[in-house]
PDB file of N, CA and C in Angstrom:
ATOM      1  N   MET A   1     147.763  96.477 135.290  1.00  0.00           N
ATOM      2  CA  MET A   1     147.920  97.266 136.480  1.00  0.00           C
ATOM      3  C   MET A   1     147.470  98.696 136.220  1.00  0.00           C
ATOM      4  N   VAL A   2     147.892  99.237 135.093  1.00  0.00           N
ATOM      5  CA  VAL A   2     147.512 100.605 134.735  1.00  0.00           C
ATOM      6  C   VAL A   2     146.005 100.698 134.524  1.00  0.00           C
ATOM      7  N   PHE A   3     145.433  99.693 133.851  1.00  0.00           N
ATOM      8  CA  PHE A   3     143.994  99.714 133.606  1.00  0.00           C
ATOM      9  C   PHE A   3     143.212  99.622 134.910  1.00  0.00           C
ATOM     10  N   GLN A   4     143.662  98.755 135.819  1.00  0.00           N
ATOM     11  CA  GLN A   4     142.968  98.640 137.105  1.00  0.00           C
ATOM     12  C   GLN A   4     143.007  99.975 137.842  1.00  0.00           C
ATOM     13  N   TYR A   5     144.151 100.613 137.846  1.00  0.00           N
ATOM     14  CA  TYR A   5     144.280 101.913 138.516  1.00  0.00           C
ATOM     15  C   TYR A   5     143.374 102.951 137.868  1.00  0.00           C
ATOM     16  N   TYR A   6     143.392 103.016 136.530  1.00  0.00           N
ATOM     17  CA  TYR A   6     142.597 104.022 135.818  1.00  0.00           C
ATOM     18  C   TYR A   6     141.103 103.823 136.068  1.00  0.00           C
ATOM     19  N   PHE A   7     140.611 102.621 135.825  1.00  0.00           N
ATOM     20  CA  PHE A   7     139.168 102.393 135.968  1.00  0.00           C
ATOM     21  C   PHE A   7     138.714 102.530 137.420  1.00  0.00           C
ATOM     22  N   ARG A   8     139.568 102.174 138.349  1.00  0.00           N
ATOM     23  CA  ARG A   8     139.236 102.384 139.765  1.00  0.00           C
ATOM     24  C   ARG A   8     139.137 103.871 140.062  1.00  0.00           C
ATOM     25  N   SER A   9     140.057 104.666 139.509  1.00  0.00           N
ATOM     26  CA  SER A   9     140.064 106.105 139.793  1.00  0.00           C
ATOM     27  C   SER A   9     138.843 106.821 139.225  1.00  0.00           C
ATOM     28  N   ILE A  10     138.277 106.300 138.131  1.00  0.00           N
ATOM     29  CA  ILE A  10     137.077 106.944 137.568  1.00  0.00           C
ATOM     30  C   ILE A  10     135.789 106.258 138.021  1.00  0.00           C
ATOM     31  N   GLY A  11     135.917 105.202 138.827  1.00  0.00           N
ATOM     32  CA  GLY A  11     134.730 104.556 139.404  1.00  0.00           C
ATOM     33  C   GLY A  11     133.999 103.609 138.479  1.00  0.00           C
ATOM     34  N   VAL A  12     134.676 103.103 137.445  1.00  0.00           N
ATOM     35  CA  VAL A  12     134.058 102.142 136.544  1.00  0.00           C
ATOM     36  C   VAL A  12     134.502 100.739 136.951  1.00  0.00           C
ATOM     37  N   GLY A  13     133.555  99.877 137.270  1.00  0.00           N
ATOM     38  CA  GLY A  13     133.866  98.519 137.674  1.00  0.00           C
ATOM     39  C   GLY A  13     133.526  98.286 139.126  1.00  0.00           C
ATOM     40  N   ARG A  14     134.107  97.235 139.675  1.00  0.00           N
ATOM     41  CA  ARG A  14     133.852  96.927 141.080  1.00  0.00           C
ATOM     42  C   ARG A  14     135.029  96.156 141.674  1.00  0.00           C
ATOM     43  N   GLU A  15     135.070  96.212 142.983  1.00  0.00           N
ATOM     44  CA  GLU A  15     136.134  95.559 143.732  1.00  0.00           C
ATOM     45  C   GLU A  15     135.915  94.047 143.760  1.00  0.00           C
ATOM     46  N   ASN A  16     137.005  93.304 143.667  1.00  0.00           N
ATOM     47  CA  ASN A  16     136.954  91.850 143.655  1.00  0.00           C
ATOM     48  C   ASN A  16     137.929  91.338 144.707  1.00  0.00           C
ATOM     49  N   PHE A  17     137.434  90.566 145.654  1.00  0.00           N
ATOM     50  CA  PHE A  17     138.274  89.998 146.700  1.00  0.00           C
ATOM     51  C   PHE A  17     138.625  88.543 146.418  1.00  0.00           C
ATOM     52  N   GLY A  18     138.249  88.036 145.230  1.00  0.00           N
ATOM     53  CA  GLY A  18     138.570  86.659 144.852  1.00  0.00           C
ATOM     54  C   GLY A  18     139.867  86.600 144.073  1.00  0.00           C
ATOM     55  N   ILE A  19     140.091  85.481 143.419  1.00  0.00           N
ATOM     56  CA  ILE A  19     141.338  85.282 142.682  1.00  0.00           C
ATOM     57  C   ILE A  19     141.166  85.697 141.223  1.00  0.00           C
ATOM     58  N   SER A  20     140.317  85.021 140.497  1.00  0.00           N
ATOM     59  CA  SER A  20     140.089  85.323 139.086  1.00  0.00           C
ATOM     60  C   SER A  20     138.593  85.199 138.832  1.00  0.00           C
ATOM     61  N   PHE A  21     138.013  86.163 138.176  1.00  0.00           N
ATOM     62  CA  PHE A  21     136.575  86.211 137.927  1.00  0.00           C
ATOM     63  C   PHE A  21     135.782  86.149 139.236  1.00  0.00           C
ATOM     64  N   GLY A  22     136.373  86.627 140.315  1.00  0.00           N
ATOM     65  CA  GLY A  22     135.689  86.683 141.602  1.00  0.00           C
ATOM     66  C   GLY A  22     135.577  85.366 142.341  1.00  0.00           C
ATOM     67  N   MET A  23     136.231  84.315 141.828  1.00  0.00           N
ATOM     68  CA  MET A  23     136.148  83.013 142.492  1.00  0.00           C
ATOM     69  C   MET A  23     137.034  82.998 143.732  1.00  0.00           C
ATOM     70  N   TRP A  24     136.715  82.129 144.656  1.00  0.00           N
ATOM     71  CA  TRP A  24     137.491  81.890 145.875  1.00  0.00           C
ATOM     72  C   TRP A  24     137.688  83.166 146.694  1.00  0.00           C
ATOM     73  N   GLN A  25     136.588  83.824 146.995  1.00  0.00           N
ATOM     74  CA  GLN A  25     136.623  85.019 147.845  1.00  0.00           C
ATOM     75  C   GLN A  25     137.273  84.685 149.177  1.00  0.00           C
ATOM     76  N   GLY A  26     138.095  85.564 149.651  1.00  0.00           N
ATOM     77  CA  GLY A  26     138.689  85.424 150.975  1.00  0.00           C
ATOM     78  C   GLY A  26     139.978  84.633 151.044  1.00  0.00           C
ATOM     79  N   VAL A  27     140.496  84.159 149.906  1.00  0.00           N
ATOM     80  CA  VAL A  27     141.777  83.462 149.914  1.00  0.00           C
ATOM     81  C   VAL A  27     142.858  84.490 150.226  1.00  0.00           C
ATOM     82  N   GLY A  28     143.730  84.180 151.147  1.00  0.00           N
ATOM     83  CA  GLY A  28     144.760  85.112 151.592  1.00  0.00           C
ATOM     84  C   GLY A  28     145.810  85.406 150.539  1.00  0.00           C
ATOM     85  N   VAL A  29     146.432  86.574 150.669  1.00  0.00           N
ATOM     86  CA  VAL A  29     147.495  86.994 149.756  1.00  0.00           C
ATOM     87  C   VAL A  29     148.653  85.999 149.804  1.00  0.00           C
ATOM     88  N   TRP A  30     148.945  85.476 150.982  1.00  0.00           N
ATOM     89  CA  TRP A  30     150.063  84.529 151.113  1.00  0.00           C
ATOM     90  C   TRP A  30     149.811  83.266 150.300  1.00  0.00           C
ATOM     91  N   MET A  31     148.549  82.811 150.236  1.00  0.00           N
ATOM     92  CA  MET A  31     148.222  81.608 149.471  1.00  0.00           C
ATOM     93  C   MET A  31     148.371  81.870 147.971  1.00  0.00           C
ATOM     94  N   ILE A  32     147.922  83.023 147.528  1.00  0.00           N
ATOM     95  CA  ILE A  32     148.057  83.387 146.114  1.00  0.00           C
ATOM     96  C   ILE A  32     149.537  83.471 145.748  1.00  0.00           C
ATOM     97  N   GLY A  33     150.332  84.112 146.615  1.00  0.00           N
ATOM     98  CA  GLY A  33     151.765  84.223 146.376  1.00  0.00           C
ATOM     99  C   GLY A  33     152.438  82.864 146.301  1.00  0.00           C
ATOM    100  N   LEU A  34     152.053  81.948 147.175  1.00  0.00           N
ATOM    101  CA  LEU A  34     152.616  80.605 147.178  1.00  0.00           C
ATOM    102  C   LEU A  34     152.282  79.863 145.883  1.00  0.00           C
ATOM    103  N   VAL A  35     151.037  79.952 145.446  1.00  0.00           N
ATOM    104  CA  VAL A  35     150.623  79.304 144.199  1.00  0.00           C
ATOM    105  C   VAL A  35     151.412  79.881 143.029  1.00  0.00           C
ATOM    106  N   LEU A  36     151.570  81.196 142.991  1.00  0.00           N
ATOM    107  CA  LEU A  36     152.317  81.823 141.897  1.00  0.00           C
ATOM    108  C   LEU A  36     153.796  81.454 141.937  1.00  0.00           C
ATOM    109  N   LEU A  37     154.360  81.311 143.106  1.00  0.00           N
ATOM    110  CA  LEU A  37     155.757  80.912 143.238  1.00  0.00           C
ATOM    111  C   LEU A  37     155.963  79.494 142.693  1.00  0.00           C
ATOM    112  N   VAL A  38     155.067  78.584 143.042  1.00  0.00           N
ATOM    113  CA  VAL A  38     155.143  77.218 142.528  1.00  0.00           C
ATOM    114  C   VAL A  38     154.959  77.224 141.015  1.00  0.00           C
ATOM    115  N   LEU A  39     154.001  77.997 140.522  1.00  0.00           N
ATOM    116  CA  LEU A  39     153.761  78.084 139.085  1.00  0.00           C
ATOM    117  C   LEU A  39     154.982  78.645 138.363  1.00  0.00           C
ATOM    118  N   CYS A  40     155.639  79.623 138.949  1.00  0.00           N
ATOM    119  CA  CYS A  40     156.832  80.210 138.357  1.00  0.00           C
ATOM    120  C   CYS A  40     157.924  79.148 138.188  1.00  0.00           C
ATOM    121  N   GLY A  41     158.161  78.348 139.208  1.00  0.00           N
ATOM    122  CA  GLY A  41     159.137  77.275 139.113  1.00  0.00           C
ATOM    123  C   GLY A  41     158.766  76.261 138.042  1.00  0.00           C
ATOM    124  N   TYR A  42     157.480  75.938 137.966  1.00  0.00           N
ATOM    125  CA  TYR A  42     157.000  74.990 136.963  1.00  0.00           C
ATOM    126  C   TYR A  42     157.195  75.545 135.558  1.00  0.00           C
ATOM    127  N   VAL A  43     156.869  76.820 135.358  1.00  0.00           N
ATOM    128  CA  VAL A  43     157.027  77.452 134.048  1.00  0.00           C
ATOM    129  C   VAL A  43     158.496  77.440 133.631  1.00  0.00           C
ATOM    130  N   LEU A  44     159.382  77.764 134.549  1.00  0.00           N
ATOM    131  CA  LEU A  44     160.806  77.770 134.222  1.00  0.00           C
ATOM    132  C   LEU A  44     161.293  76.388 133.808  1.00  0.00           C
ATOM    133  N   SER A  45     160.807  75.343 134.477  1.00  0.00           N
ATOM    134  CA  SER A  45     161.212  73.987 134.101  1.00  0.00           C
ATOM    135  C   SER A  45     160.644  73.610 132.732  1.00  0.00           C
ATOM    136  N   LEU A  46     159.431  74.043 132.429  1.00  0.00           N
ATOM    137  CA  LEU A  46     158.836  73.739 131.120  1.00  0.00           C
ATOM    138  C   LEU A  46     159.514  74.488 129.988  1.00  0.00           C
ATOM    139  N   LEU A  47     159.952  75.719 130.259  1.00  0.00           N
ATOM    140  CA  LEU A  47     160.594  76.508 129.211  1.00  0.00           C
ATOM    141  C   LEU A  47     161.868  75.831 128.708  1.00  0.00           C
ATOM    142  N   LYS A  48     162.503  75.042 129.540  1.00  0.00           N
ATOM    143  CA  LYS A  48     163.704  74.325 129.121  1.00  0.00           C
ATOM    144  C   LYS A  48     163.378  73.255 128.082  1.00  0.00           C
ATOM    145  N   ASN A  49     162.171  72.674 128.168  1.00  0.00           N
ATOM    146  CA  ASN A  49     161.804  71.539 127.319  1.00  0.00           C
ATOM    147  C   ASN A  49     160.851  71.893 126.184  1.00  0.00           C
ATOM    148  N   ASP A  50     159.830  72.678 126.453  1.00  0.00           N
ATOM    149  CA  ASP A  50     158.788  72.944 125.460  1.00  0.00           C
ATOM    150  C   ASP A  50     158.359  74.397 125.551  1.00  0.00           C
ATOM    151  N   LYS A  51     158.905  75.225 124.688  1.00  0.00           N
ATOM    152  CA  LYS A  51     158.682  76.662 124.773  1.00  0.00           C
ATOM    153  C   LYS A  51     157.213  77.060 124.569  1.00  0.00           C
ATOM    154  N   LYS A  52     156.460  76.331 123.766  1.00  0.00           N
ATOM    155  CA  LYS A  52     155.067  76.705 123.520  1.00  0.00           C
ATOM    156  C   LYS A  52     154.209  76.522 124.760  1.00  0.00           C
ATOM    157  N   ILE A  53     154.393  75.433 125.474  1.00  0.00           N
ATOM    158  CA  ILE A  53     153.649  75.240 126.717  1.00  0.00           C
ATOM    159  C   ILE A  53     154.044  76.310 127.714  1.00  0.00           C
ATOM    160  N   GLY A  54     155.329  76.608 127.795  1.00  0.00           N
ATOM    161  CA  GLY A  54     155.824  77.630 128.703  1.00  0.00           C
ATOM    162  C   GLY A  54     155.229  78.999 128.425  1.00  0.00           C
ATOM    163  N   ARG A  55     155.027  79.324 127.157  1.00  0.00           N
ATOM    164  CA  ARG A  55     154.439  80.631 126.812  1.00  0.00           C
ATOM    165  C   ARG A  55     153.027  80.764 127.346  1.00  0.00           C
ATOM    166  N   GLY A  56     152.225  79.734 127.215  1.00  0.00           N
ATOM    167  CA  GLY A  56     150.861  79.785 127.730  1.00  0.00           C
ATOM    168  C   GLY A  56     150.852  79.986 129.237  1.00  0.00           C
ATOM    169  N   LEU A  57     151.712  79.250 129.921  1.00  0.00           N
ATOM    170  CA  LEU A  57     151.785  79.395 131.366  1.00  0.00           C
ATOM    171  C   LEU A  57     152.377  80.741 131.775  1.00  0.00           C
ATOM    172  N   CYS A  58     153.201  81.339 130.916  1.00  0.00           N
ATOM    173  CA  CYS A  58     153.710  82.689 131.190  1.00  0.00           C
ATOM    174  C   CYS A  58     152.559  83.688 131.242  1.00  0.00           C
ATOM    175  N   PHE A  59     151.562  83.530 130.375  1.00  0.00           N
ATOM    176  CA  PHE A  59     150.379  84.400 130.423  1.00  0.00           C
ATOM    177  C   PHE A  59     149.679  84.253 131.771  1.00  0.00           C
ATOM    178  N   VAL A  60     149.544  83.000 132.222  1.00  0.00           N
ATOM    179  CA  VAL A  60     148.910  82.756 133.520  1.00  0.00           C
ATOM    180  C   VAL A  60     149.708  83.449 134.621  1.00  0.00           C
ATOM    181  N   LEU A  61     151.008  83.313 134.558  1.00  0.00           N
ATOM    182  CA  LEU A  61     151.890  83.896 135.566  1.00  0.00           C
ATOM    183  C   LEU A  61     151.820  85.424 135.560  1.00  0.00           C
ATOM    184  N   ILE A  62     151.845  86.036 134.389  1.00  0.00           N
ATOM    185  CA  ILE A  62     151.781  87.504 134.297  1.00  0.00           C
ATOM    186  C   ILE A  62     150.452  88.017 134.847  1.00  0.00           C
ATOM    187  N   GLY A  63     149.351  87.417 134.405  1.00  0.00           N
ATOM    188  CA  GLY A  63     148.038  87.836 134.905  1.00  0.00           C
ATOM    189  C   GLY A  63     147.926  87.661 136.406  1.00  0.00           C
ATOM    190  N   GLY A  64     148.427  86.540 136.902  1.00  0.00           N
ATOM    191  CA  GLY A  64     148.388  86.286 138.340  1.00  0.00           C
ATOM    192  C   GLY A  64     149.240  87.262 139.132  1.00  0.00           C
ATOM    193  N   LEU A  65     150.421  87.577 138.618  1.00  0.00           N
ATOM    194  CA  LEU A  65     151.301  88.526 139.315  1.00  0.00           C
ATOM    195  C   LEU A  65     150.703  89.929 139.381  1.00  0.00           C
ATOM    196  N   VAL A  66     150.087  90.364 138.290  1.00  0.00           N
ATOM    197  CA  VAL A  66     149.452  91.690 138.298  1.00  0.00           C
ATOM    198  C   VAL A  66     148.325  91.716 139.318  1.00  0.00           C
ATOM    199  N   ASN A  67     147.482  90.702 139.312  1.00  0.00           N
ATOM    200  CA  ASN A  67     146.396  90.658 140.297  1.00  0.00           C
ATOM    201  C   ASN A  67     146.951  90.583 141.721  1.00  0.00           C
ATOM    202  N   LEU A  68     148.040  89.842 141.925  1.00  0.00           N
ATOM    203  CA  LEU A  68     148.646  89.755 143.248  1.00  0.00           C
ATOM    204  C   LEU A  68     149.183  91.121 143.687  1.00  0.00           C
ATOM    205  N   MET A  69     149.849  91.829 142.778  1.00  0.00           N
ATOM    206  CA  MET A  69     150.365  93.165 143.125  1.00  0.00           C
ATOM    207  C   MET A  69     149.239  94.116 143.513  1.00  0.00           C
ATOM    208  N   MET A  70     148.141  94.068 142.773  1.00  0.00           N
ATOM    209  CA  MET A  70     147.007  94.938 143.097  1.00  0.00           C
ATOM    210  C   MET A  70     146.395  94.544 144.431  1.00  0.00           C
ATOM    211  N   ARG A  71     146.327  93.247 144.706  1.00  0.00           N
ATOM    212  CA  ARG A  71     145.760  92.784 145.972  1.00  0.00           C
ATOM    213  C   ARG A  71     146.635  93.246 147.141  1.00  0.00           C
ATOM    214  N   VAL A  72     147.946  93.189 146.981  1.00  0.00           N
ATOM    215  CA  VAL A  72     148.849  93.666 148.035  1.00  0.00           C
ATOM    216  C   VAL A  72     148.706  95.179 148.186  1.00  0.00           C
ATOM    217  N   TRP A  73     148.621  95.893 147.075  1.00  0.00           N
ATOM    218  CA  TRP A  73     148.535  97.358 147.088  1.00  0.00           C
ATOM    219  C   TRP A  73     147.221  97.837 147.696  1.00  0.00           C
ATOM    220  N   TRP A  74     146.074  97.304 147.193  1.00  0.00           N
ATOM    221  CA  TRP A  74     144.750  97.779 147.599  1.00  0.00           C
ATOM    222  C   TRP A  74     144.003  96.833 148.531  1.00  0.00           C
ATOM    223  N   GLY A  75     144.415  95.592 148.620  1.00  0.00           N
ATOM    224  CA  GLY A  75     143.664  94.602 149.379  1.00  0.00           C
ATOM    225  C   GLY A  75     142.630  93.882 148.530  1.00  0.00           C
ATOM    226  N   SER A  76     142.555  94.239 147.250  1.00  0.00           N
ATOM    227  CA  SER A  76     141.626  93.615 146.308  1.00  0.00           C
ATOM    228  C   SER A  76     142.097  93.942 144.899  1.00  0.00           C
ATOM    229  N   VAL A  77     141.440  93.357 143.915  1.00  0.00           N
ATOM    230  CA  VAL A  77     141.683  93.756 142.524  1.00  0.00           C
ATOM    231  C   VAL A  77     140.460  94.502 142.032  1.00  0.00           C
ATOM    232  N   TRP A  78     140.610  95.202 140.934  1.00  0.00           N
ATOM    233  CA  TRP A  78     139.511  95.966 140.368  1.00  0.00           C
ATOM    234  C   TRP A  78     139.100  95.344 139.049  1.00  0.00           C
ATOM    235  N   ASP A  79     137.844  94.926 138.946  1.00  0.00           N
ATOM    236  CA  ASP A  79     137.304  94.350 137.721  1.00  0.00           C
ATOM    237  C   ASP A  79     136.527  95.430 136.981  1.00  0.00           C
ATOM    238  N   TYR A  80     136.807  95.593 135.696  1.00  0.00           N
ATOM    239  CA  TYR A  80     136.250  96.713 134.942  1.00  0.00           C
ATOM    240  C   TYR A  80     135.683  96.329 133.581  1.00  0.00           C
ATOM    241  N   ILE A  81     135.776  95.061 133.187  1.00  0.00           N
ATOM    242  CA  ILE A  81     135.221  94.626 131.901  1.00  0.00           C
ATOM    243  C   ILE A  81     133.918  93.880 132.180  1.00  0.00           C
ATOM    244  N   SER A  82     132.848  94.369 131.585  1.00  0.00           N
ATOM    245  CA  SER A  82     131.544  93.747 131.761  1.00  0.00           C
ATOM    246  C   SER A  82     130.936  93.495 130.382  1.00  0.00           C
ATOM    247  N   ILE A  83     130.573  92.265 130.107  1.00  0.00           N
ATOM    248  CA  ILE A  83     129.936  91.887 128.844  1.00  0.00           C
ATOM    249  C   ILE A  83     128.526  91.434 129.200  1.00  0.00           C
ATOM    250  N   SER A  84     127.551  91.994 128.533  1.00  0.00           N
ATOM    251  CA  SER A  84     126.147  91.839 128.936  1.00  0.00           C
ATOM    252  C   SER A  84     125.695  90.390 129.110  1.00  0.00           C
ATOM    253  N   PHE A  85     126.170  89.469 128.297  1.00  0.00           N
ATOM    254  CA  PHE A  85     125.686  88.094 128.397  1.00  0.00           C
ATOM    255  C   PHE A  85     126.482  87.236 129.380  1.00  0.00           C
ATOM    256  N   LEU A  86     127.500  87.801 130.017  1.00  0.00           N
ATOM    257  CA  LEU A  86     128.267  87.064 131.023  1.00  0.00           C
ATOM    258  C   LEU A  86     127.837  87.494 132.422  1.00  0.00           C
ATOM    259  N   PRO A  87     127.758  86.554 133.353  1.00  0.00           N
ATOM    260  CA  PRO A  87     127.268  86.887 134.697  1.00  0.00           C
ATOM    261  C   PRO A  87     128.340  87.428 135.648  1.00  0.00           C
ATOM    262  N   PHE A  88     129.497  87.814 135.120  1.00  0.00           N
ATOM    263  CA  PHE A  88     130.564  88.304 135.984  1.00  0.00           C
ATOM    264  C   PHE A  88     131.301  89.465 135.323  1.00  0.00           C
ATOM    265  N   VAL A  89     132.056  90.173 136.129  1.00  0.00           N
ATOM    266  CA  VAL A  89     132.897  91.274 135.680  1.00  0.00           C
ATOM    267  C   VAL A  89     134.340  90.825 135.874  1.00  0.00           C
ATOM    268  N   PHE A  90     135.232  91.232 134.980  1.00  0.00           N
ATOM    269  CA  PHE A  90     136.606  90.765 135.054  1.00  0.00           C
ATOM    270  C   PHE A  90     137.564  91.850 134.599  1.00  0.00           C
ATOM    271  N   ASN A  91     138.863  91.547 134.590  1.00  0.00           N
ATOM    272  CA  ASN A  91     139.857  92.527 134.147  1.00  0.00           C
ATOM    273  C   ASN A  91     140.817  91.866 133.163  1.00  0.00           C
ATOM    274  N   LEU A  92     141.751  92.647 132.639  1.00  0.00           N
ATOM    275  CA  LEU A  92     142.677  92.142 131.636  1.00  0.00           C
ATOM    276  C   LEU A  92     143.540  91.005 132.184  1.00  0.00           C
ATOM    277  N   SER A  93     143.899  91.061 133.446  1.00  0.00           N
ATOM    278  CA  SER A  93     144.683  89.980 134.043  1.00  0.00           C
ATOM    279  C   SER A  93     143.919  88.658 133.995  1.00  0.00           C
ATOM    280  N   ASP A  94     142.617  88.698 134.243  1.00  0.00           N
ATOM    281  CA  ASP A  94     141.791  87.498 134.154  1.00  0.00           C
ATOM    282  C   ASP A  94     141.787  86.944 132.726  1.00  0.00           C
ATOM    283  N   VAL A  95     141.774  87.838 131.748  1.00  0.00           N
ATOM    284  CA  VAL A  95     141.820  87.415 130.343  1.00  0.00           C
ATOM    285  C   VAL A  95     143.146  86.711 130.056  1.00  0.00           C
ATOM    286  N   LEU A  96     144.256  87.294 130.525  1.00  0.00           N
ATOM    287  CA  LEU A  96     145.564  86.667 130.324  1.00  0.00           C
ATOM    288  C   LEU A  96     145.617  85.279 130.960  1.00  0.00           C
ATOM    289  N   ILE A  97     145.101  85.160 132.166  1.00  0.00           N
ATOM    290  CA  ILE A  97     145.085  83.874 132.850  1.00  0.00           C
ATOM    291  C   ILE A  97     144.285  82.847 132.040  1.00  0.00           C
ATOM    292  N   THR A  98     143.117  83.232 131.568  1.00  0.00           N
ATOM    293  CA  THR A  98     142.253  82.319 130.809  1.00  0.00           C
ATOM    294  C   THR A  98     142.891  81.916 129.488  1.00  0.00           C
ATOM    295  N   VAL A  99     143.432  82.890 128.751  1.00  0.00           N
ATOM    296  CA  VAL A  99     144.091  82.594 127.476  1.00  0.00           C
ATOM    297  C   VAL A  99     145.275  81.651 127.703  1.00  0.00           C
ATOM    298  N   GLY A 100     146.034  81.903 128.759  1.00  0.00           N
ATOM    299  CA  GLY A 100     147.174  81.045 129.062  1.00  0.00           C
ATOM    300  C   GLY A 100     146.780  79.623 129.384  1.00  0.00           C
ATOM    301  N   VAL A 101     145.716  79.453 130.161  1.00  0.00           N
ATOM    302  CA  VAL A 101     145.238  78.110 130.508  1.00  0.00           C
ATOM    303  C   VAL A 101     144.741  77.387 129.261  1.00  0.00           C
ATOM    304  N   VAL A 102     143.963  78.075 128.441  1.00  0.00           N
ATOM    305  CA  VAL A 102     143.430  77.459 127.216  1.00  0.00           C
ATOM    306  C   VAL A 102     144.572  77.091 126.266  1.00  0.00           C
ATOM    307  N   ALA A 103     145.534  77.993 126.078  1.00  0.00           N
ATOM    308  CA  ALA A 103     146.669  77.719 125.186  1.00  0.00           C
ATOM    309  C   ALA A 103     147.465  76.515 125.683  1.00  0.00           C
ATOM    310  N   THR A 104     147.687  76.428 126.970  1.00  0.00           N
ATOM    311  CA  THR A 104     148.431  75.310 127.541  1.00  0.00           C
ATOM    312  C   THR A 104     147.654  74.006 127.382  1.00  0.00           C
ATOM    313  N   PHE A 105     146.362  74.048 127.620  1.00  0.00           N
ATOM    314  CA  PHE A 105     145.534  72.852 127.487  1.00  0.00           C
ATOM    315  C   PHE A 105     145.579  72.319 126.056  1.00  0.00           C
ATOM    316  N   PHE A 106     145.401  73.223 125.057  1.00  0.00           N
ATOM    317  CA  PHE A 106     145.383  72.764 123.667  1.00  0.00           C
ATOM    318  C   PHE A 106     146.752  72.289 123.226  1.00  0.00           C
ATOM    319  N   LYS A 107     147.805  72.906 123.719  1.00  0.00           N
ATOM    320  CA  LYS A 107     149.147  72.453 123.362  1.00  0.00           C
ATOM    321  C   LYS A 107     149.417  71.066 123.943  1.00  0.00           C
ATOM    322  N   ARG A 108     148.995  70.837 125.168  1.00  0.00           N
ATOM    323  CA  ARG A 108     149.214  69.539 125.812  1.00  0.00           C
ATOM    324  C   ARG A 108     148.399  68.432 125.147  1.00  0.00           C
ATOM    325  N   ASN A 109     147.267  68.810 124.537  1.00  0.00           N
ATOM    326  CA  ASN A 109     146.389  67.807 123.926  1.00  0.00           C
ATOM    327  C   ASN A 109     146.531  67.758 122.412  1.00  0.00           C
ATOM    328  N   GLY A 110     147.673  68.185 121.915  1.00  0.00           N
ATOM    329  CA  GLY A 110     147.982  68.041 120.499  1.00  0.00           C
ATOM    330  C   GLY A 110     147.420  69.103 119.588  1.00  0.00           C
ATOM    331  N   GLY A 111     146.851  70.178 120.153  1.00  0.00           N
ATOM    332  CA  GLY A 111     146.261  71.227 119.322  1.00  0.00           C
ATOM    333  C   GLY A 111     147.219  72.220 118.782  1.00  0.00           C
TER     334      GLY A 111
END
């Protein structure tokens, strides 16, 4: 949240109206909130049984909540990380979401 605010204030990056990595442009805030609410319930149920899977999904939840807060605050999120060989710009919340998904996938598949 702090990074999005800082980079937006100095004009580094660009506005993103999608969910993560600019995908699904135009999805409403209410839909994002609903998905995060369901994910939150799922994470809480997993934490009771398997803490490692729950941790990965916690990253997804944290990244999603930060992006949701920025979307409610500004109407969009601010993407400020650009790597020359990647065709998109992203932010730290997107990184958390991706790391969480990958960690959960590998944990579920015996990794």
